[in-house]
Amino acid sequence: MLTFFVTQTGIAEKFNDDLISKNSEINFAKTQKRGIKKNNIVYYVENDLQTISAYKRSKLKWQTNVISVCGKPKNGNPEIRYVGYNTNKLLIVMGKHNFAEIDINSGTTRLIG
């Protein structure tokens, strides 16, 4: 039995503390904030607006490119528009009406509609 592990390579950016929200959601149409801090972990949308990185004590914990994993949305730009924090996952809106969720512990990403 063979097991394959897929990892995404990319250079994580150093996030700007001024762009981190203490709220549980960020909507890019309404704010310049780019990340959410919960339980000493920062979930940050990188400059490409497709990649989310999780930082614990300023060290990269995981990183995922939501558009690469879920595919380009049929409507709207291929970029993240909204991030919401929920107990054990991040809820993502990309394009116009595409939804994904990310496991906050592993970074596992899946399209939900």
N, C-alpha and C. Protein backbone atom coordinates (compact mmCIF):
# COMPACT_ATOMS: atom_id res chain seq x y z
N MET A 1 0.85 -1.17 0.00
CA MET A 1 0.00 0.00 0.00
C MET A 1 0.89 1.24 0.00
N LEU A 2 0.63 2.15 -0.90
CA LEU A 2 1.38 3.39 -0.99
C LEU A 2 0.56 4.52 -0.41
N THR A 3 1.24 5.40 0.29
CA THR A 3 0.59 6.59 0.84
C THR A 3 1.30 7.81 0.31
N PHE A 4 0.56 8.74 -0.19
CA PHE A 4 1.13 9.97 -0.71
C PHE A 4 0.71 11.13 0.17
N PHE A 5 1.66 11.99 0.45
CA PHE A 5 1.37 13.20 1.20
C PHE A 5 1.55 14.39 0.26
N VAL A 6 0.58 15.25 0.21
CA VAL A 6 0.66 16.43 -0.63
C VAL A 6 0.88 17.63 0.27
N THR A 7 1.92 18.36 -0.03
CA THR A 7 2.19 19.58 0.73
C THR A 7 2.26 20.74 -0.24
N GLN A 8 1.88 21.87 0.23
CA GLN A 8 1.95 23.06 -0.60
C GLN A 8 3.17 23.85 -0.19
N THR A 9 3.92 24.25 -1.18
CA THR A 9 5.08 25.06 -0.89
C THR A 9 4.73 26.51 -1.15
N GLY A 10 5.33 27.35 -0.42
CA GLY A 10 5.10 28.77 -0.56
C GLY A 10 5.81 29.48 0.56
N ILE A 11 6.09 30.70 0.33
CA ILE A 11 6.77 31.48 1.34
C ILE A 11 5.73 32.27 2.12
N ALA A 12 5.65 32.01 3.38
CA ALA A 12 4.71 32.74 4.22
C ALA A 12 5.22 34.15 4.45
N GLU A 13 4.33 35.08 4.43
CA GLU A 13 4.69 36.47 4.67
C GLU A 13 4.66 36.74 6.16
N LYS A 14 5.41 37.71 6.59
CA LYS A 14 5.30 38.18 7.97
C LYS A 14 4.08 39.09 8.00
N PHE A 15 3.14 38.77 8.86
CA PHE A 15 1.91 39.55 8.89
C PHE A 15 2.10 40.85 9.67
N ASN A 16 1.26 41.80 9.34
CA ASN A 16 1.25 43.11 9.99
C ASN A 16 0.23 43.05 11.13
N ASP A 17 0.70 43.26 12.37
CA ASP A 17 -0.19 43.19 13.55
C ASP A 17 -1.37 44.15 13.46
N ASP A 18 -1.20 45.28 12.78
CA ASP A 18 -2.28 46.25 12.64
C ASP A 18 -3.44 45.71 11.80
N LEU A 19 -3.18 44.68 11.01
CA LEU A 19 -4.20 44.13 10.13
C LEU A 19 -4.88 42.90 10.72
N ILE A 20 -4.64 42.63 12.01
CA ILE A 20 -5.22 41.46 12.67
C ILE A 20 -6.43 41.90 13.49
N SER A 21 -7.53 41.20 13.29
CA SER A 21 -8.78 41.50 13.99
C SER A 21 -8.93 40.58 15.20
N LYS A 22 -9.54 41.08 16.24
CA LYS A 22 -9.88 40.26 17.40
C LYS A 22 -11.29 39.67 17.25
N ASN A 23 -12.00 40.13 16.22
CA ASN A 23 -13.35 39.61 15.94
C ASN A 23 -13.26 38.22 15.33
N SER A 24 -14.39 37.58 15.19
CA SER A 24 -14.42 36.21 14.66
C SER A 24 -14.63 36.15 13.15
N GLU A 25 -14.69 37.30 12.50
CA GLU A 25 -14.86 37.31 11.05
C GLU A 25 -14.26 38.56 10.43
N ILE A 26 -13.86 38.42 9.17
CA ILE A 26 -13.43 39.58 8.39
C ILE A 26 -14.08 39.48 7.02
N ASN A 27 -14.62 40.61 6.58
CA ASN A 27 -15.26 40.72 5.28
C ASN A 27 -14.46 41.76 4.52
N PHE A 28 -13.79 41.36 3.46
CA PHE A 28 -12.89 42.27 2.74
C PHE A 28 -13.62 43.43 2.08
N ALA A 29 -14.94 43.34 1.93
CA ALA A 29 -15.71 44.45 1.38
C ALA A 29 -15.89 45.56 2.42
N LYS A 30 -15.72 45.22 3.70
CA LYS A 30 -16.01 46.17 4.77
C LYS A 30 -14.79 46.57 5.60
N THR A 31 -13.66 45.88 5.43
CA THR A 31 -12.51 46.17 6.28
C THR A 31 -11.19 45.95 5.54
N GLN A 32 -10.16 46.58 6.03
CA GLN A 32 -8.81 46.36 5.51
C GLN A 32 -8.09 45.26 6.29
N LYS A 33 -8.72 44.75 7.35
CA LYS A 33 -8.11 43.69 8.15
C LYS A 33 -7.86 42.47 7.28
N ARG A 34 -6.79 41.72 7.60
CA ARG A 34 -6.41 40.56 6.78
C ARG A 34 -6.31 39.27 7.58
N GLY A 35 -6.49 39.35 8.90
CA GLY A 35 -6.33 38.15 9.70
C GLY A 35 -7.21 38.17 10.94
N ILE A 36 -7.33 37.00 11.55
CA ILE A 36 -8.10 36.82 12.78
C ILE A 36 -7.19 36.16 13.79
N LYS A 37 -7.20 36.67 15.02
CA LYS A 37 -6.41 36.06 16.08
C LYS A 37 -7.35 35.41 17.09
N LYS A 38 -7.18 34.11 17.26
CA LYS A 38 -7.98 33.35 18.22
C LYS A 38 -7.07 32.33 18.90
N ASN A 39 -7.14 32.26 20.22
CA ASN A 39 -6.38 31.28 21.00
C ASN A 39 -4.88 31.32 20.68
N ASN A 40 -4.34 32.53 20.55
CA ASN A 40 -2.92 32.77 20.27
C ASN A 40 -2.46 32.25 18.91
N ILE A 41 -3.39 32.03 18.00
CA ILE A 41 -3.05 31.66 16.62
C ILE A 41 -3.65 32.71 15.70
N VAL A 42 -2.83 33.16 14.75
CA VAL A 42 -3.28 34.14 13.76
C VAL A 42 -3.56 33.40 12.45
N TYR A 43 -4.75 33.57 11.93
CA TYR A 43 -5.15 33.03 10.63
C TYR A 43 -5.14 34.22 9.68
N TYR A 44 -4.21 34.20 8.73
CA TYR A 44 -3.90 35.38 7.92
C TYR A 44 -4.06 35.10 6.44
N VAL A 45 -4.78 35.97 5.74
CA VAL A 45 -4.93 35.88 4.29
C VAL A 45 -3.74 36.62 3.66
N GLU A 46 -2.95 35.89 2.90
CA GLU A 46 -1.74 36.44 2.30
C GLU A 46 -2.09 37.40 1.17
N ASN A 47 -1.08 38.11 0.66
CA ASN A 47 -1.29 39.15 -0.35
C ASN A 47 -1.94 38.66 -1.64
N ASP A 48 -1.79 37.38 -1.97
CA ASP A 48 -2.40 36.86 -3.20
C ASP A 48 -3.92 36.70 -3.08
N LEU A 49 -4.45 36.88 -1.86
CA LEU A 49 -5.87 36.75 -1.56
C LEU A 49 -6.41 35.35 -1.89
N GLN A 50 -5.51 34.36 -1.96
CA GLN A 50 -5.91 32.98 -2.21
C GLN A 50 -5.38 32.04 -1.12
N THR A 51 -4.36 32.48 -0.41
CA THR A 51 -3.67 31.65 0.55
C THR A 51 -3.96 32.09 1.97
N ILE A 52 -4.24 31.11 2.85
CA ILE A 52 -4.41 31.39 4.27
C ILE A 52 -3.31 30.66 5.01
N SER A 53 -2.65 31.39 5.92
CA SER A 53 -1.59 30.82 6.74
C SER A 53 -1.99 30.91 8.21
N ALA A 54 -1.60 29.91 8.98
CA ALA A 54 -1.83 29.92 10.42
C ALA A 54 -0.48 30.07 11.10
N TYR A 55 -0.37 31.07 11.97
CA TYR A 55 0.86 31.34 12.70
C TYR A 55 0.64 31.16 14.19
N LYS A 56 1.51 30.42 14.81
CA LYS A 56 1.49 30.28 16.26
C LYS A 56 2.82 30.83 16.78
N ARG A 57 2.73 31.88 17.60
CA ARG A 57 3.92 32.58 18.09
C ARG A 57 4.84 32.99 16.94
N SER A 58 4.25 33.54 15.90
CA SER A 58 4.94 34.05 14.72
C SER A 58 5.62 32.97 13.88
N LYS A 59 5.38 31.70 14.18
CA LYS A 59 5.93 30.61 13.37
C LYS A 59 4.80 29.98 12.57
N LEU A 60 5.10 29.67 11.31
CA LEU A 60 4.10 29.09 10.44
C LEU A 60 3.70 27.70 10.93
N LYS A 61 2.39 27.52 11.17
CA LYS A 61 1.86 26.23 11.61
C LYS A 61 1.39 25.42 10.39
N TRP A 62 0.64 26.06 9.51
CA TRP A 62 0.21 25.47 8.24
C TRP A 62 -0.15 26.58 7.28
N GLN A 63 -0.25 26.20 6.01
CA GLN A 63 -0.61 27.15 4.96
C GLN A 63 -1.37 26.40 3.88
N THR A 64 -2.43 27.02 3.35
CA THR A 64 -3.20 26.39 2.28
C THR A 64 -3.64 27.44 1.26
N ASN A 65 -3.55 27.08 -0.01
CA ASN A 65 -4.07 27.94 -1.07
C ASN A 65 -5.47 27.43 -1.38
N VAL A 66 -6.47 28.16 -0.93
CA VAL A 66 -7.87 27.74 -1.03
C VAL A 66 -8.29 27.57 -2.49
N ILE A 67 -7.86 28.47 -3.36
CA ILE A 67 -8.26 28.41 -4.77
C ILE A 67 -7.64 27.19 -5.44
N SER A 68 -6.38 26.89 -5.15
CA SER A 68 -5.73 25.70 -5.73
C SER A 68 -6.42 24.42 -5.29
N VAL A 69 -6.78 24.34 -4.02
CA VAL A 69 -7.40 23.12 -3.50
C VAL A 69 -8.83 22.98 -4.01
N CYS A 70 -9.59 24.06 -3.99
CA CYS A 70 -11.03 23.98 -4.31
C CYS A 70 -11.36 24.27 -5.77
N GLY A 71 -10.44 24.86 -6.50
CA GLY A 71 -10.70 25.24 -7.89
C GLY A 71 -11.20 26.66 -7.99
N LYS A 72 -11.05 27.24 -9.18
CA LYS A 72 -11.50 28.61 -9.41
C LYS A 72 -13.02 28.67 -9.36
N PRO A 73 -13.56 29.71 -8.72
CA PRO A 73 -15.02 29.85 -8.68
C PRO A 73 -15.57 30.15 -10.08
N LYS A 74 -16.80 29.71 -10.33
CA LYS A 74 -17.42 29.95 -11.64
C LYS A 74 -17.76 31.43 -11.82
N ASN A 75 -18.13 32.10 -10.73
CA ASN A 75 -18.47 33.52 -10.78
C ASN A 75 -17.58 34.30 -9.84
N GLY A 76 -17.17 35.46 -10.26
CA GLY A 76 -16.34 36.32 -9.41
C GLY A 76 -14.87 36.02 -9.57
N ASN A 77 -14.07 36.83 -8.93
CA ASN A 77 -12.62 36.69 -8.99
C ASN A 77 -12.15 35.52 -8.14
N PRO A 78 -11.05 34.88 -8.54
CA PRO A 78 -10.53 33.76 -7.75
C PRO A 78 -9.76 34.25 -6.53
N GLU A 79 -10.51 34.79 -5.58
CA GLU A 79 -9.89 35.31 -4.36
C GLU A 79 -10.85 35.18 -3.18
N ILE A 80 -10.26 35.19 -2.00
CA ILE A 80 -11.03 35.09 -0.75
C ILE A 80 -11.71 36.42 -0.48
N ARG A 81 -12.99 36.38 -0.14
CA ARG A 81 -13.75 37.59 0.16
C ARG A 81 -14.15 37.69 1.63
N TYR A 82 -14.20 36.55 2.31
CA TYR A 82 -14.68 36.52 3.69
C TYR A 82 -14.02 35.35 4.41
N VAL A 83 -13.67 35.58 5.68
CA VAL A 83 -13.17 34.51 6.55
C VAL A 83 -13.92 34.61 7.87
N GLY A 84 -14.45 33.49 8.32
CA GLY A 84 -15.14 33.43 9.61
C GLY A 84 -14.55 32.32 10.46
N TYR A 85 -14.35 32.60 11.73
CA TYR A 85 -13.81 31.61 12.67
C TYR A 85 -14.96 30.92 13.38
N ASN A 86 -14.93 29.58 13.36
CA ASN A 86 -15.92 28.78 14.07
C ASN A 86 -15.13 27.75 14.86
N THR A 87 -15.56 27.36 16.00
CA THR A 87 -14.84 26.53 16.97
C THR A 87 -13.67 25.72 16.44
N ASN A 88 -13.87 24.92 15.41
CA ASN A 88 -12.78 24.07 14.93
C ASN A 88 -12.50 24.22 13.44
N LYS A 89 -13.05 25.28 12.82
CA LYS A 89 -12.81 25.49 11.40
C LYS A 89 -12.94 26.96 11.03
N LEU A 90 -12.36 27.27 9.87
CA LEU A 90 -12.53 28.58 9.26
C LEU A 90 -13.52 28.42 8.13
N LEU A 91 -14.47 29.32 8.05
CA LEU A 91 -15.43 29.33 6.96
C LEU A 91 -14.97 30.38 5.95
N ILE A 92 -14.91 30.01 4.69
CA ILE A 92 -14.34 30.86 3.65
C ILE A 92 -15.37 31.10 2.55
N VAL A 93 -15.47 32.35 2.09
CA VAL A 93 -16.25 32.66 0.89
C VAL A 93 -15.23 33.15 -0.13
N MET A 94 -15.31 32.58 -1.33
CA MET A 94 -14.42 32.99 -2.42
C MET A 94 -15.24 33.20 -3.68
N GLY A 95 -14.75 34.06 -4.56
CA GLY A 95 -15.53 34.40 -5.74
C GLY A 95 -16.84 35.04 -5.31
N LYS A 96 -17.91 34.73 -6.00
CA LYS A 96 -19.22 35.29 -5.63
C LYS A 96 -19.95 34.42 -4.62
N HIS A 97 -20.06 33.13 -4.89
CA HIS A 97 -20.89 32.27 -4.05
C HIS A 97 -20.30 30.90 -3.82
N ASN A 98 -18.99 30.81 -3.69
CA ASN A 98 -18.35 29.54 -3.40
C ASN A 98 -17.91 29.51 -1.95
N PHE A 99 -18.07 28.37 -1.32
CA PHE A 99 -17.78 28.23 0.10
C PHE A 99 -16.81 27.09 0.34
N ALA A 100 -15.91 27.31 1.28
CA ALA A 100 -14.95 26.28 1.67
C ALA A 100 -14.82 26.33 3.18
N GLU A 101 -14.25 25.26 3.74
CA GLU A 101 -13.92 25.27 5.15
C GLU A 101 -12.53 24.69 5.34
N ILE A 102 -11.85 25.20 6.36
CA ILE A 102 -10.49 24.79 6.67
C ILE A 102 -10.44 24.31 8.11
N ASP A 103 -9.92 23.14 8.33
CA ASP A 103 -9.71 22.62 9.69
C ASP A 103 -8.62 23.46 10.34
N ILE A 104 -8.90 24.07 11.50
CA ILE A 104 -7.95 25.00 12.11
C ILE A 104 -6.71 24.30 12.68
N ASN A 105 -6.78 23.00 12.90
CA ASN A 105 -5.63 22.27 13.45
C ASN A 105 -4.66 21.80 12.36
N SER A 106 -5.20 21.35 11.24
CA SER A 106 -4.35 20.75 10.20
C SER A 106 -4.22 21.58 8.94
N GLY A 107 -5.15 22.51 8.71
CA GLY A 107 -5.16 23.26 7.46
C GLY A 107 -5.84 22.52 6.32
N THR A 108 -6.41 21.36 6.62
CA THR A 108 -7.12 20.60 5.59
C THR A 108 -8.28 21.43 5.06
N THR A 109 -8.34 21.58 3.75
CA THR A 109 -9.29 22.47 3.09
C THR A 109 -10.22 21.65 2.21
N ARG A 110 -11.52 22.01 2.25
CA ARG A 110 -12.46 21.33 1.35
C ARG A 110 -13.54 22.29 0.88
N LEU A 111 -13.95 22.08 -0.34
CA LEU A 111 -15.03 22.86 -0.95
C LEU A 111 -16.34 22.33 -0.40
N ILE A 112 -17.21 23.25 0.04
CA ILE A 112 -18.51 22.80 0.56
C ILE A 112 -19.67 23.33 -0.29
N GLY A 113 -19.38 24.06 -1.32
CA GLY A 113 -20.46 24.49 -2.22
C GLY A 113 -20.24 25.81 -2.85
